[in-house]
Amino acid sequence: MADMSPMFRRKAPQDRLVTLIRKPGCHLCDDAQQVIEKVCGDLGVPWEQKDITQDEALHREYWEQVPVVLVDGAQHTFWRVDEERLRKALTR
């Protein structure tokens, strides 16, 4: 039987990327960051944060939804981050 197509293979944790789009002084953003730090730390997944006040395109797209979490560049969730849902998204 031939190997599965690379498209269907699970990505290695270090090949994933979680992005937190946030703004200063946002308590929901702080809560989201705690969940992301825990899940990404447990799984070895890199993560980054972007400030909508420093990026006009992000501000236009997400200002009503902050915090927004992207997984591999695609929107995963906004406002509240569910730890188990994020963990599942990163391990499939």
N, C-alpha and C. Protein backbone atom coordinates (compact mmCIF):
# COMPACT_ATOMS: atom_id res chain seq x y z
N MET A 1 0.85 -1.18 0.00
CA MET A 1 0.00 0.00 0.00
C MET A 1 0.89 1.24 0.00
N ALA A 2 0.58 2.20 -0.81
CA ALA A 2 1.39 3.41 -0.93
C ALA A 2 1.24 4.28 0.30
N ASP A 3 2.26 5.10 0.55
CA ASP A 3 2.20 6.06 1.65
C ASP A 3 1.04 7.02 1.43
N MET A 4 0.49 7.49 2.52
CA MET A 4 -0.56 8.50 2.40
C MET A 4 0.04 9.78 1.82
N SER A 5 -0.76 10.50 1.13
CA SER A 5 -0.33 11.78 0.59
C SER A 5 0.12 12.69 1.72
N PRO A 6 1.17 13.49 1.52
CA PRO A 6 1.61 14.41 2.56
C PRO A 6 0.49 15.35 3.02
N MET A 7 -0.47 15.61 2.15
CA MET A 7 -1.56 16.50 2.49
C MET A 7 -2.38 15.96 3.66
N PHE A 8 -2.40 14.62 3.82
CA PHE A 8 -3.22 14.02 4.85
C PHE A 8 -2.41 13.64 6.09
N ARG A 9 -1.13 13.82 6.04
CA ARG A 9 -0.31 13.50 7.21
C ARG A 9 -0.47 14.57 8.27
N ARG A 10 -0.41 14.15 9.50
CA ARG A 10 -0.48 15.08 10.62
C ARG A 10 0.80 15.91 10.64
N LYS A 11 0.65 17.21 10.85
CA LYS A 11 1.82 18.08 10.94
C LYS A 11 2.51 17.86 12.28
N ALA A 12 3.83 17.92 12.27
CA ALA A 12 4.58 17.86 13.52
C ALA A 12 4.32 19.13 14.32
N PRO A 13 4.36 19.04 15.66
CA PRO A 13 4.05 20.22 16.49
C PRO A 13 4.88 21.44 16.13
N GLN A 14 6.16 21.24 15.84
CA GLN A 14 7.01 22.39 15.53
C GLN A 14 6.69 23.01 14.18
N ASP A 15 5.90 22.32 13.36
CA ASP A 15 5.48 22.85 12.06
C ASP A 15 4.14 23.57 12.12
N ARG A 16 3.53 23.59 13.29
CA ARG A 16 2.27 24.30 13.49
C ARG A 16 2.60 25.71 13.96
N LEU A 17 1.62 26.61 13.91
CA LEU A 17 1.82 27.95 14.47
C LEU A 17 0.47 28.48 14.95
N VAL A 18 0.47 28.90 16.20
CA VAL A 18 -0.70 29.56 16.78
C VAL A 18 -0.39 31.05 16.85
N THR A 19 -1.34 31.86 16.40
CA THR A 19 -1.18 33.31 16.45
C THR A 19 -2.31 33.89 17.29
N LEU A 20 -1.94 34.68 18.27
CA LEU A 20 -2.91 35.41 19.09
C LEU A 20 -2.93 36.85 18.61
N ILE A 21 -4.09 37.29 18.14
CA ILE A 21 -4.26 38.68 17.73
C ILE A 21 -4.96 39.38 18.88
N ARG A 22 -4.28 40.37 19.44
CA ARG A 22 -4.75 41.00 20.67
C ARG A 22 -4.58 42.50 20.63
N LYS A 23 -5.01 43.14 21.70
CA LYS A 23 -4.77 44.57 21.87
C LYS A 23 -4.39 44.83 23.32
N PRO A 24 -3.71 45.93 23.59
CA PRO A 24 -3.29 46.24 24.96
C PRO A 24 -4.50 46.45 25.88
N GLY A 25 -4.32 46.07 27.14
CA GLY A 25 -5.34 46.31 28.15
C GLY A 25 -6.58 45.46 28.02
N CYS A 26 -6.49 44.35 27.32
CA CYS A 26 -7.65 43.48 27.05
C CYS A 26 -7.57 42.25 27.96
N HIS A 27 -8.49 42.17 28.93
CA HIS A 27 -8.43 41.04 29.86
C HIS A 27 -8.75 39.71 29.18
N LEU A 28 -9.63 39.72 28.18
CA LEU A 28 -9.89 38.47 27.44
C LEU A 28 -8.64 38.02 26.69
N CYS A 29 -7.87 38.99 26.22
CA CYS A 29 -6.62 38.67 25.52
C CYS A 29 -5.63 38.01 26.48
N ASP A 30 -5.57 38.53 27.71
CA ASP A 30 -4.69 37.94 28.72
C ASP A 30 -5.11 36.51 29.03
N ASP A 31 -6.43 36.30 29.16
CA ASP A 31 -6.95 34.94 29.41
C ASP A 31 -6.60 34.01 28.26
N ALA A 32 -6.78 34.49 27.03
CA ALA A 32 -6.47 33.69 25.85
C ALA A 32 -4.99 33.33 25.83
N GLN A 33 -4.15 34.29 26.16
CA GLN A 33 -2.71 34.04 26.15
C GLN A 33 -2.33 32.95 27.15
N GLN A 34 -2.96 32.94 28.31
CA GLN A 34 -2.66 31.90 29.30
C GLN A 34 -2.99 30.51 28.76
N VAL A 35 -4.14 30.38 28.10
CA VAL A 35 -4.52 29.09 27.52
C VAL A 35 -3.54 28.69 26.42
N ILE A 36 -3.21 29.63 25.55
CA ILE A 36 -2.28 29.34 24.44
C ILE A 36 -0.91 28.94 24.98
N GLU A 37 -0.41 29.67 25.98
CA GLU A 37 0.90 29.33 26.55
C GLU A 37 0.90 27.92 27.12
N LYS A 38 -0.19 27.55 27.79
CA LYS A 38 -0.28 26.21 28.39
C LYS A 38 -0.34 25.14 27.31
N VAL A 39 -1.27 25.26 26.38
CA VAL A 39 -1.46 24.23 25.35
C VAL A 39 -0.23 24.13 24.46
N CYS A 40 0.27 25.25 23.98
CA CYS A 40 1.44 25.23 23.10
C CYS A 40 2.66 24.73 23.84
N GLY A 41 2.79 25.10 25.11
CA GLY A 41 3.90 24.61 25.92
C GLY A 41 3.83 23.10 26.10
N ASP A 42 2.64 22.58 26.38
CA ASP A 42 2.46 21.13 26.55
C ASP A 42 2.78 20.38 25.27
N LEU A 43 2.38 20.93 24.12
CA LEU A 43 2.50 20.22 22.85
C LEU A 43 3.78 20.56 22.07
N GLY A 44 4.52 21.57 22.50
CA GLY A 44 5.72 21.97 21.78
C GLY A 44 5.42 22.73 20.49
N VAL A 45 4.28 23.43 20.47
CA VAL A 45 3.86 24.20 19.30
C VAL A 45 4.28 25.65 19.46
N PRO A 46 4.96 26.23 18.47
CA PRO A 46 5.32 27.65 18.57
C PRO A 46 4.08 28.53 18.47
N TRP A 47 4.16 29.70 19.11
CA TRP A 47 3.06 30.66 19.02
C TRP A 47 3.63 32.06 18.99
N GLU A 48 2.82 32.97 18.50
CA GLU A 48 3.21 34.38 18.40
C GLU A 48 2.00 35.22 18.76
N GLN A 49 2.26 36.49 19.02
CA GLN A 49 1.14 37.41 19.22
C GLN A 49 1.33 38.64 18.35
N LYS A 50 0.19 39.18 17.92
CA LYS A 50 0.20 40.38 17.10
C LYS A 50 -0.77 41.37 17.72
N ASP A 51 -0.38 42.63 17.72
CA ASP A 51 -1.16 43.70 18.33
C ASP A 51 -1.93 44.43 17.23
N ILE A 52 -3.27 44.41 17.32
CA ILE A 52 -4.06 45.05 16.26
C ILE A 52 -3.85 46.56 16.19
N THR A 53 -3.36 47.15 17.29
CA THR A 53 -3.13 48.60 17.25
C THR A 53 -1.87 48.93 16.46
N GLN A 54 -1.07 47.92 16.13
CA GLN A 54 0.16 48.13 15.37
C GLN A 54 0.04 47.67 13.92
N ASP A 55 -1.14 47.17 13.53
CA ASP A 55 -1.30 46.61 12.19
C ASP A 55 -2.69 46.97 11.67
N GLU A 56 -2.74 47.90 10.73
CA GLU A 56 -4.02 48.40 10.23
C GLU A 56 -4.87 47.31 9.58
N ALA A 57 -4.25 46.40 8.83
CA ALA A 57 -5.01 45.33 8.17
C ALA A 57 -5.64 44.40 9.20
N LEU A 58 -4.89 44.04 10.23
CA LEU A 58 -5.44 43.19 11.29
C LEU A 58 -6.55 43.93 12.03
N HIS A 59 -6.36 45.23 12.27
CA HIS A 59 -7.37 46.02 12.96
C HIS A 59 -8.68 46.03 12.18
N ARG A 60 -8.59 46.28 10.88
CA ARG A 60 -9.80 46.30 10.04
C ARG A 60 -10.52 44.95 10.06
N GLU A 61 -9.75 43.87 10.01
CA GLU A 61 -10.36 42.55 9.90
C GLU A 61 -10.91 42.02 11.23
N TYR A 62 -10.24 42.32 12.34
CA TYR A 62 -10.56 41.63 13.59
C TYR A 62 -10.99 42.52 14.75
N TRP A 63 -11.12 43.83 14.58
CA TRP A 63 -11.31 44.72 15.73
C TRP A 63 -12.52 44.38 16.59
N GLU A 64 -13.57 43.78 16.02
CA GLU A 64 -14.75 43.43 16.80
C GLU A 64 -14.63 42.07 17.48
N GLN A 65 -13.61 41.31 17.14
CA GLN A 65 -13.51 39.93 17.62
C GLN A 65 -12.38 39.69 18.61
N VAL A 66 -11.54 40.64 18.87
CA VAL A 66 -10.34 40.44 19.68
C VAL A 66 -10.70 39.91 21.07
N PRO A 67 -9.96 38.93 21.57
CA PRO A 67 -8.81 38.27 20.93
C PRO A 67 -9.25 37.25 19.89
N VAL A 68 -8.40 37.10 18.89
CA VAL A 68 -8.63 36.12 17.83
C VAL A 68 -7.44 35.16 17.85
N VAL A 69 -7.74 33.88 17.67
CA VAL A 69 -6.69 32.88 17.62
C VAL A 69 -6.70 32.24 16.23
N LEU A 70 -5.53 32.25 15.60
CA LEU A 70 -5.34 31.59 14.32
C LEU A 70 -4.50 30.33 14.55
N VAL A 71 -4.83 29.28 13.84
CA VAL A 71 -4.01 28.07 13.83
C VAL A 71 -3.55 27.89 12.39
N ASP A 72 -2.25 27.94 12.21
CA ASP A 72 -1.65 27.83 10.87
C ASP A 72 -2.27 28.85 9.91
N GLY A 73 -2.53 30.05 10.41
CA GLY A 73 -3.02 31.14 9.58
C GLY A 73 -4.52 31.18 9.37
N ALA A 74 -5.25 30.17 9.83
CA ALA A 74 -6.70 30.13 9.67
C ALA A 74 -7.37 30.43 11.02
N GLN A 75 -8.45 31.19 10.99
CA GLN A 75 -9.11 31.56 12.25
C GLN A 75 -9.64 30.31 12.94
N HIS A 76 -9.26 30.16 14.20
CA HIS A 76 -9.69 29.04 15.03
C HIS A 76 -10.85 29.46 15.93
N THR A 77 -10.70 30.61 16.58
CA THR A 77 -11.73 31.08 17.50
C THR A 77 -11.52 32.56 17.78
N PHE A 78 -12.47 33.15 18.49
CA PHE A 78 -12.32 34.52 18.96
C PHE A 78 -13.00 34.66 20.31
N TRP A 79 -12.68 35.74 21.00
CA TRP A 79 -13.15 36.09 22.34
C TRP A 79 -12.65 35.14 23.42
N ARG A 80 -13.10 33.92 23.42
CA ARG A 80 -12.67 32.96 24.45
C ARG A 80 -12.03 31.74 23.80
N VAL A 81 -10.95 31.26 24.42
CA VAL A 81 -10.24 30.11 23.89
C VAL A 81 -10.53 28.90 24.77
N ASP A 82 -11.08 27.86 24.15
CA ASP A 82 -11.35 26.62 24.87
C ASP A 82 -10.09 25.74 24.78
N GLU A 83 -9.54 25.41 25.94
CA GLU A 83 -8.28 24.67 25.98
C GLU A 83 -8.37 23.33 25.23
N GLU A 84 -9.40 22.56 25.47
CA GLU A 84 -9.52 21.24 24.82
C GLU A 84 -9.71 21.37 23.31
N ARG A 85 -10.49 22.35 22.89
CA ARG A 85 -10.72 22.54 21.44
C ARG A 85 -9.41 22.92 20.75
N LEU A 86 -8.62 23.81 21.37
CA LEU A 86 -7.33 24.19 20.80
C LEU A 86 -6.39 23.00 20.76
N ARG A 87 -6.37 22.24 21.84
CA ARG A 87 -5.50 21.06 21.91
C ARG A 87 -5.86 20.07 20.78
N LYS A 88 -7.16 19.84 20.56
CA LYS A 88 -7.59 18.92 19.50
C LYS A 88 -7.20 19.46 18.12
N ALA A 89 -7.35 20.76 17.91
CA ALA A 89 -7.00 21.36 16.61
C ALA A 89 -5.52 21.18 16.31
N LEU A 90 -4.70 21.17 17.34
CA LEU A 90 -3.25 21.08 17.15
C LEU A 90 -2.73 19.64 17.11
N THR A 91 -3.57 18.67 17.42
CA THR A 91 -3.09 17.29 17.46
C THR A 91 -3.73 16.39 16.43
N ARG A 92 -4.52 16.96 15.54
CA ARG A 92 -5.09 16.11 14.48
C ARG A 92 -4.32 16.26 13.21
